[in-house]
N, C-alpha and C. Protein backbone atom coordinates (compact mmCIF):
# COMPACT_ATOMS: atom_id res chain seq x y z
N VAL A 1 3.33 3.65 -2.72
CA VAL A 1 2.92 3.44 -1.33
C VAL A 1 3.16 4.72 -0.51
N ARG A 2 4.29 5.34 -0.70
CA ARG A 2 4.57 6.58 0.01
C ARG A 2 3.57 7.66 -0.39
N HIS A 3 3.19 7.66 -1.66
CA HIS A 3 2.21 8.63 -2.15
C HIS A 3 0.90 8.46 -1.42
N PHE A 4 0.44 7.22 -1.28
CA PHE A 4 -0.79 6.94 -0.55
C PHE A 4 -0.64 7.30 0.92
N GLY A 5 0.55 7.10 1.46
CA GLY A 5 0.81 7.44 2.85
C GLY A 5 0.62 8.93 3.11
N ARG A 6 1.09 9.75 2.16
CA ARG A 6 0.92 11.19 2.32
C ARG A 6 -0.55 11.58 2.17
N LEU A 7 -1.24 10.94 1.23
CA LEU A 7 -2.66 11.25 1.02
C LEU A 7 -3.49 10.92 2.26
N LEU A 8 -3.19 9.78 2.86
CA LEU A 8 -3.98 9.33 4.01
C LEU A 8 -3.40 9.84 5.33
N ASP A 9 -2.27 10.58 5.23
CA ASP A 9 -1.63 11.16 6.40
C ASP A 9 -1.16 10.10 7.38
N ILE A 10 -0.76 8.94 6.88
CA ILE A 10 -0.17 7.89 7.71
C ILE A 10 1.01 7.29 6.98
N PRO A 11 1.97 6.72 7.71
CA PRO A 11 3.16 6.13 7.10
C PRO A 11 2.81 5.04 6.09
N GLY A 12 3.53 5.01 4.96
CA GLY A 12 3.28 4.01 3.94
C GLY A 12 3.47 2.60 4.45
N TYR A 13 4.46 2.41 5.31
CA TYR A 13 4.73 1.06 5.82
C TYR A 13 3.54 0.54 6.61
N GLN A 14 2.81 1.44 7.27
CA GLN A 14 1.64 1.02 8.04
C GLN A 14 0.54 0.51 7.11
N ILE A 15 0.37 1.19 5.97
CA ILE A 15 -0.60 0.74 4.98
C ILE A 15 -0.25 -0.65 4.49
N VAL A 16 1.02 -0.84 4.14
CA VAL A 16 1.48 -2.12 3.64
C VAL A 16 1.29 -3.21 4.69
N ARG A 17 1.60 -2.88 5.93
CA ARG A 17 1.50 -3.85 7.01
C ARG A 17 0.05 -4.24 7.25
N ASP A 18 -0.87 -3.28 7.14
CA ASP A 18 -2.27 -3.54 7.44
C ASP A 18 -3.01 -4.21 6.29
N LEU A 19 -2.47 -4.11 5.08
CA LEU A 19 -3.14 -4.74 3.94
C LEU A 19 -2.94 -6.25 3.96
N ASP A 20 -3.96 -6.97 3.54
CA ASP A 20 -3.87 -8.43 3.49
C ASP A 20 -3.31 -8.87 2.15
N ARG A 21 -2.52 -9.94 2.18
CA ARG A 21 -1.97 -10.55 0.96
C ARG A 21 -1.16 -9.55 0.14
N THR A 22 -0.42 -8.68 0.82
CA THR A 22 0.46 -7.75 0.12
C THR A 22 1.81 -8.42 -0.11
N GLU A 23 2.27 -8.39 -1.35
CA GLU A 23 3.52 -9.05 -1.68
C GLU A 23 4.64 -8.02 -1.85
N ALA A 24 5.69 -8.16 -1.05
CA ALA A 24 6.85 -7.28 -1.17
C ALA A 24 7.74 -7.76 -2.32
N LEU A 25 8.07 -6.86 -3.22
CA LEU A 25 8.90 -7.19 -4.38
C LEU A 25 10.28 -6.55 -4.23
N PRO A 26 11.28 -7.07 -4.93
CA PRO A 26 12.63 -6.50 -4.90
C PRO A 26 12.62 -5.02 -5.24
N GLY A 27 13.46 -4.23 -4.58
CA GLY A 27 13.51 -2.80 -4.84
C GLY A 27 12.46 -2.05 -4.05
N ASN A 28 11.93 -2.69 -3.01
CA ASN A 28 10.93 -2.05 -2.15
C ASN A 28 9.67 -1.66 -2.92
N CYS A 29 9.37 -2.40 -3.98
CA CYS A 29 8.12 -2.18 -4.72
C CYS A 29 7.07 -3.11 -4.13
N PHE A 30 5.83 -2.67 -4.16
CA PHE A 30 4.78 -3.49 -3.57
C PHE A 30 3.68 -3.76 -4.58
N LEU A 31 3.29 -5.03 -4.67
CA LEU A 31 2.20 -5.42 -5.55
C LEU A 31 0.94 -5.58 -4.70
N LEU A 32 0.01 -4.66 -4.86
CA LEU A 32 -1.21 -4.69 -4.06
C LEU A 32 -2.31 -5.40 -4.82
N PRO A 33 -3.12 -6.17 -4.10
CA PRO A 33 -4.30 -6.79 -4.72
C PRO A 33 -5.19 -5.71 -5.31
N ALA A 34 -5.93 -6.04 -6.36
CA ALA A 34 -6.77 -5.07 -7.05
C ALA A 34 -7.76 -4.42 -6.09
N SER A 35 -8.36 -5.20 -5.21
CA SER A 35 -9.35 -4.68 -4.28
C SER A 35 -8.72 -3.66 -3.33
N SER A 36 -7.51 -3.95 -2.86
CA SER A 36 -6.83 -3.04 -1.95
C SER A 36 -6.43 -1.76 -2.68
N PHE A 37 -5.98 -1.90 -3.92
CA PHE A 37 -5.59 -0.73 -4.71
C PHE A 37 -6.79 0.19 -4.93
N LEU A 38 -7.92 -0.41 -5.26
CA LEU A 38 -9.13 0.38 -5.46
C LEU A 38 -9.55 1.05 -4.17
N TYR A 39 -9.33 0.38 -3.05
CA TYR A 39 -9.66 0.96 -1.74
C TYR A 39 -8.79 2.19 -1.47
N LEU A 40 -7.50 2.08 -1.80
CA LEU A 40 -6.58 3.18 -1.56
C LEU A 40 -6.89 4.36 -2.47
N THR A 41 -7.26 4.07 -3.72
CA THR A 41 -7.51 5.14 -4.68
C THR A 41 -8.93 5.69 -4.55
N GLY A 42 -9.77 4.98 -3.80
CA GLY A 42 -11.13 5.44 -3.60
C GLY A 42 -11.96 5.24 -4.85
């Protein structure tokens, strides 16, 4: 998430907050839906 934050020049937490159906996992890991992941990776 932080990696994507640097790429998009916005805070990672903002990406997580704006994504729909994002599940926060223990250890501050995030499981993103496939569609959202593809959106982030372009």
